[in-house]
């Protein structure tokens, strides 16, 4: 579920890039690296928060 929401948000970002000319300096490879890195960091932060608030 987390990756689906993240993919949808990143898809919107790519649409903005194409439609409005934002982030024109990013190549497709750099966009993929950005997507995978941000997804991994988001997952790590989510797991850390779950561990933090799970403690009594």
PDB file of N, CA and C in Angstrom:
ATOM      1  N   UNK A   1       0.834  -1.189   0.000  1.00  0.00           N
ATOM      2  CA  UNK A   1       0.000   0.000   0.000  1.00  0.00           C
ATOM      3  C   UNK A   1       0.879   1.253   0.000  1.00  0.00           C
ATOM      4  N   UNK A   2       1.975   1.203   0.760  1.00  0.00           N
ATOM      5  CA  UNK A   2       2.858   2.362   0.820  1.00  0.00           C
ATOM      6  C   UNK A   2       3.476   2.637  -0.550  1.00  0.00           C
ATOM      7  N   UNK A   3       3.922   1.579  -1.213  1.00  0.00           N
ATOM      8  CA  UNK A   3       4.573   1.785  -2.508  1.00  0.00           C
ATOM      9  C   UNK A   3       3.579   2.239  -3.569  1.00  0.00           C
ATOM     10  N   UNK A   4       2.312   1.832  -3.457  1.00  0.00           N
ATOM     11  CA  UNK A   4       1.293   2.276  -4.417  1.00  0.00           C
ATOM     12  C   UNK A   4       1.060   3.778  -4.273  1.00  0.00           C
ATOM     13  N   UNK A   5       0.927   4.244  -3.034  1.00  0.00           N
ATOM     14  CA  UNK A   5       0.728   5.676  -2.800  1.00  0.00           C
ATOM     15  C   UNK A   5       1.950   6.474  -3.246  1.00  0.00           C
ATOM     16  N   UNK A   6       3.132   5.950  -2.958  1.00  0.00           N
ATOM     17  CA  UNK A   6       4.357   6.650  -3.351  1.00  0.00           C
ATOM     18  C   UNK A   6       4.486   6.695  -4.873  1.00  0.00           C
ATOM     19  N   UNK A   7       4.122   5.596  -5.544  1.00  0.00           N
ATOM     20  CA  UNK A   7       4.179   5.552  -7.001  1.00  0.00           C
ATOM     21  C   UNK A   7       3.186   6.535  -7.612  1.00  0.00           C
ATOM     22  N   UNK A   8       1.991   6.642  -7.025  1.00  0.00           N
ATOM     23  CA  UNK A   8       0.996   7.595  -7.522  1.00  0.00           C
ATOM     24  C   UNK A   8       1.498   9.030  -7.375  1.00  0.00           C
ATOM     25  N   UNK A   9       2.090   9.336  -6.238  1.00  0.00           N
ATOM     26  CA  UNK A   9       2.619  10.684  -6.023  1.00  0.00           C
ATOM     27  C   UNK A   9       3.769  10.978  -6.982  1.00  0.00           C
ATOM     28  N   UNK A  10       4.619   9.999  -7.199  1.00  0.00           N
ATOM     29  CA  UNK A  10       5.742  10.205  -8.106  1.00  0.00           C
ATOM     30  C   UNK A  10       5.252  10.309  -9.554  1.00  0.00           C
ATOM     31  N   UNK A  11       4.203   9.555  -9.891  1.00  0.00           N
ATOM     32  CA  UNK A  11       3.605   9.673 -11.224  1.00  0.00           C
ATOM     33  C   UNK A  11       3.063  11.069 -11.466  1.00  0.00           C
ATOM     34  N   UNK A  12       2.451  11.662 -10.446  1.00  0.00           N
ATOM     35  CA  UNK A  12       1.973  13.039 -10.559  1.00  0.00           C
ATOM     36  C   UNK A  12       3.141  13.999 -10.767  1.00  0.00           C
ATOM     37  N   UNK A  13       4.227  13.762 -10.070  1.00  0.00           N
ATOM     38  CA  UNK A  13       5.419  14.588 -10.243  1.00  0.00           C
ATOM     39  C   UNK A  13       5.963  14.482 -11.669  1.00  0.00           C
ATOM     40  N   UNK A  14       5.986  13.263 -12.214  1.00  0.00           N
ATOM     41  CA  UNK A  14       6.453  13.089 -13.592  1.00  0.00           C
ATOM     42  C   UNK A  14       5.515  13.761 -14.584  1.00  0.00           C
ATOM     43  N   UNK A  15       4.207  13.714 -14.314  1.00  0.00           N
ATOM     44  CA  UNK A  15       3.244  14.416 -15.172  1.00  0.00           C
ATOM     45  C   UNK A  15       3.518  15.915 -15.151  1.00  0.00           C
ATOM     46  N   UNK A  16       3.762  16.461 -13.966  1.00  0.00           N
ATOM     47  CA  UNK A  16       4.079  17.885 -13.865  1.00  0.00           C
ATOM     48  C   UNK A  16       5.359  18.207 -14.623  1.00  0.00           C
ATOM     49  N   UNK A  17       6.324  17.292 -14.557  1.00  0.00           N
ATOM     50  CA  UNK A  17       7.586  17.514 -15.260  1.00  0.00           C
ATOM     51  C   UNK A  17       7.342  17.604 -16.761  1.00  0.00           C
ATOM     52  N   UNK A  18       6.540  16.696 -17.290  1.00  0.00           N
ATOM     53  CA  UNK A  18       6.295  16.680 -18.730  1.00  0.00           C
ATOM     54  C   UNK A  18       5.379  17.823 -19.159  1.00  0.00           C
ATOM     55  N   UNK A  19       4.298  18.054 -18.414  1.00  0.00           N
ATOM     56  CA  UNK A  19       3.291  19.030 -18.830  1.00  0.00           C
ATOM     57  C   UNK A  19       3.742  20.470 -18.638  1.00  0.00           C
ATOM     58  N   UNK A  20       4.431  20.738 -17.554  1.00  0.00           N
ATOM     59  CA  UNK A  20       4.768  22.120 -17.229  1.00  0.00           C
ATOM     60  C   UNK A  20       6.245  22.445 -17.371  1.00  0.00           C
ATOM     61  N   UNK A  21       7.029  21.470 -17.758  1.00  0.00           N
ATOM     62  CA  UNK A  21       8.444  21.732 -17.963  1.00  0.00           C
ATOM     63  C   UNK A  21       9.247  21.855 -16.683  1.00  0.00           C
ATOM     64  N   UNK A  22       8.714  21.338 -15.578  1.00  0.00           N
ATOM     65  CA  UNK A  22       9.467  21.361 -14.327  1.00  0.00           C
ATOM     66  C   UNK A  22      10.516  20.265 -14.343  1.00  0.00           C
ATOM     67  N   UNK A  23      11.608  20.475 -13.668  1.00  0.00           N
ATOM     68  CA  UNK A  23      12.671  19.484 -13.539  1.00  0.00           C
ATOM     69  C   UNK A  23      13.157  18.997 -14.900  1.00  0.00           C
ATOM     70  N   UNK A  24      13.295  19.888 -15.843  1.00  0.00           N
ATOM     71  CA  UNK A  24      13.721  19.500 -17.170  1.00  0.00           C
ATOM     72  C   UNK A  24      15.148  18.991 -17.233  1.00  0.00           C
ATOM     73  N   UNK A  25      15.904  19.258 -16.214  1.00  0.00           N
ATOM     74  CA  UNK A  25      17.306  18.850 -16.206  1.00  0.00           C
ATOM     75  C   UNK A  25      17.490  17.409 -15.766  1.00  0.00           C
ATOM     76  N   UNK A  26      16.426  16.708 -15.351  1.00  0.00           N
ATOM     77  CA  UNK A  26      16.550  15.323 -14.896  1.00  0.00           C
ATOM     78  C   UNK A  26      16.375  14.357 -16.062  1.00  0.00           C
ATOM     79  N   UNK A  27      17.314  13.452 -16.213  1.00  0.00           N
ATOM     80  CA  UNK A  27      17.181  12.402 -17.221  1.00  0.00           C
ATOM     81  C   UNK A  27      16.280  11.304 -16.661  1.00  0.00           C
ATOM     82  N   UNK A  28      15.780  10.410 -17.518  1.00  0.00           N
ATOM     83  CA  UNK A  28      14.958   9.297 -17.013  1.00  0.00           C
ATOM     84  C   UNK A  28      15.691   8.426 -15.993  1.00  0.00           C
ATOM     85  N   UNK A  29      16.986   8.228 -16.187  1.00  0.00           N
ATOM     86  CA  UNK A  29      17.754   7.434 -15.230  1.00  0.00           C
ATOM     87  C   UNK A  29      17.825   8.127 -13.872  1.00  0.00           C
ATOM     88  N   UNK A  30      18.034   9.444 -13.893  1.00  0.00           N
ATOM     89  CA  UNK A  30      18.079  10.193 -12.640  1.00  0.00           C
ATOM     90  C   UNK A  30      16.722  10.195 -11.953  1.00  0.00           C
ATOM     91  N   UNK A  31      15.643  10.252 -12.733  1.00  0.00           N
ATOM     92  CA  UNK A  31      14.298  10.186 -12.156  1.00  0.00           C
ATOM     93  C   UNK A  31      14.062   8.843 -11.488  1.00  0.00           C
ATOM     94  N   UNK A  32      14.526   7.765 -12.109  1.00  0.00           N
ATOM     95  CA  UNK A  32      14.373   6.435 -11.522  1.00  0.00           C
ATOM     96  C   UNK A  32      15.174   6.318 -10.225  1.00  0.00           C
ATOM     97  N   UNK A  33      16.394   6.834 -10.227  1.00  0.00           N
ATOM     98  CA  UNK A  33      17.214   6.816  -9.013  1.00  0.00           C
ATOM     99  C   UNK A  33      16.540   7.635  -7.914  1.00  0.00           C
ATOM    100  N   UNK A  34      15.986   8.793  -8.277  1.00  0.00           N
ATOM    101  CA  UNK A  34      15.289   9.648  -7.320  1.00  0.00           C
ATOM    102  C   UNK A  34      14.082   8.917  -6.735  1.00  0.00           C
ATOM    103  N   UNK A  35      13.317   8.241  -7.595  1.00  0.00           N
ATOM    104  CA  UNK A  35      12.137   7.497  -7.141  1.00  0.00           C
ATOM    105  C   UNK A  35      12.533   6.381  -6.170  1.00  0.00           C
ATOM    106  N   UNK A  36      13.493   5.559  -6.546  1.00  0.00           N
ATOM    107  CA  UNK A  36      13.879   4.420  -5.707  1.00  0.00           C
ATOM    108  C   UNK A  36      14.494   4.875  -4.384  1.00  0.00           C
ATOM    109  N   UNK A  37      15.321   5.913  -4.433  1.00  0.00           N
ATOM    110  CA  UNK A  37      15.939   6.418  -3.211  1.00  0.00           C
ATOM    111  C   UNK A  37      14.902   7.018  -2.272  1.00  0.00           C
ATOM    112  N   UNK A  38      13.990   7.816  -2.814  1.00  0.00           N
ATOM    113  CA  UNK A  38      12.976   8.429  -1.960  1.00  0.00           C
ATOM    114  C   UNK A  38      12.019   7.379  -1.403  1.00  0.00           C
ATOM    115  N   UNK A  39      11.698   6.343  -2.179  1.00  0.00           N
ATOM    116  CA  UNK A  39      10.850   5.259  -1.680  1.00  0.00           C
ATOM    117  C   UNK A  39      11.543   4.517  -0.545  1.00  0.00           C
ATOM    118  N   UNK A  40      12.829   4.237  -0.699  1.00  0.00           N
ATOM    119  CA  UNK A  40      13.574   3.544   0.356  1.00  0.00           C
ATOM    120  C   UNK A  40      13.659   4.396   1.622  1.00  0.00           C
ATOM    121  N   UNK A  41      13.956   5.678   1.472  1.00  0.00           N
ATOM    122  CA  UNK A  41      14.035   6.551   2.644  1.00  0.00           C
ATOM    123  C   UNK A  41      12.684   6.679   3.336  1.00  0.00           C
ATOM    124  N   UNK A  42      11.610   6.789   2.566  1.00  0.00           N
ATOM    125  CA  UNK A  42      10.271   6.864   3.146  1.00  0.00           C
ATOM    126  C   UNK A  42       9.953   5.593   3.920  1.00  0.00           C
ATOM    127  N   UNK A  43      10.321   4.445   3.369  1.00  0.00           N
ATOM    128  CA  UNK A  43      10.093   3.170   4.050  1.00  0.00           C
ATOM    129  C   UNK A  43      10.885   3.060   5.338  1.00  0.00           C
ATOM    130  N   UNK A  44      12.135   3.504   5.309  1.00  0.00           N
ATOM    131  CA  UNK A  44      12.980   3.457   6.505  1.00  0.00           C
ATOM    132  C   UNK A  44      12.418   4.363   7.595  1.00  0.00           C
ATOM    133  N   UNK A  45      12.011   5.569   7.214  1.00  0.00           N
ATOM    134  CA  UNK A  45      11.438   6.494   8.197  1.00  0.00           C
ATOM    135  C   UNK A  45      10.153   5.925   8.779  1.00  0.00           C
ATOM    136  N   UNK A  46       9.333   5.320   7.942  1.00  0.00           N
ATOM    137  CA  UNK A  46       8.085   4.720   8.428  1.00  0.00           C
ATOM    138  C   UNK A  46       8.373   3.599   9.420  1.00  0.00           C
ATOM    139  N   UNK A  47       9.330   2.743   9.120  1.00  0.00           N
ATOM    140  CA  UNK A  47       9.677   1.659  10.039  1.00  0.00           C
ATOM    141  C   UNK A  47      10.246   2.196  11.353  1.00  0.00           C
ATOM    142  N   UNK A  48      11.083   3.220  11.275  1.00  0.00           N
ATOM    143  CA  UNK A  48      11.631   3.814  12.496  1.00  0.00           C
ATOM    144  C   UNK A  48      10.535   4.411  13.374  1.00  0.00           C
ATOM    145  N   UNK A  49       9.580   5.095  12.753  1.00  0.00           N
ATOM    146  CA  UNK A  49       8.477   5.660  13.527  1.00  0.00           C
ATOM    147  C   UNK A  49       7.617   4.567  14.146  1.00  0.00           C
ATOM    148  N   UNK A  50       7.381   3.491  13.409  1.00  0.00           N
ATOM    149  CA  UNK A  50       6.612   2.378  13.970  1.00  0.00           C
ATOM    150  C   UNK A  50       7.335   1.759  15.164  1.00  0.00           C
ATOM    151  N   UNK A  51       8.641   1.598  15.060  1.00  0.00           N
ATOM    152  CA  UNK A  51       9.407   1.039  16.179  1.00  0.00           C
ATOM    153  C   UNK A  51       9.409   1.998  17.368  1.00  0.00           C
ATOM    154  N   UNK A  52       9.504   3.288  17.102  1.00  0.00           N
ATOM    155  CA  UNK A  52       9.546   4.279  18.170  1.00  0.00           C
ATOM    156  C   UNK A  52       8.242   4.309  18.960  1.00  0.00           C
ATOM    157  N   UNK A  53       7.111   4.300  18.266  1.00  0.00           N
ATOM    158  CA  UNK A  53       5.828   4.430  18.944  1.00  0.00           C
ATOM    159  C   UNK A  53       5.260   3.095  19.410  1.00  0.00           C
ATOM    160  N   UNK A  54       5.900   1.991  19.048  1.00  0.00           N
ATOM    161  CA  UNK A  54       5.438   0.685  19.502  1.00  0.00           C
ATOM    162  C   UNK A  54       5.918   0.392  20.916  1.00  0.00           C
ATOM    163  N   UNK A  55       6.979   1.030  21.334  1.00  0.00           N
ATOM    164  CA  UNK A  55       7.527   0.792  22.675  1.00  0.00           C
ATOM    165  C   UNK A  55       6.564   1.311  23.737  1.00  0.00           C
ATOM    166  N   UNK A  56       6.473   0.600  24.876  1.00  0.00           N
ATOM    167  CA  UNK A  56       5.561   1.041  25.950  1.00  0.00           C
ATOM    168  C   UNK A  56       6.058   2.287  26.667  1.00  0.00           C
TER     169      UNK A  56
END
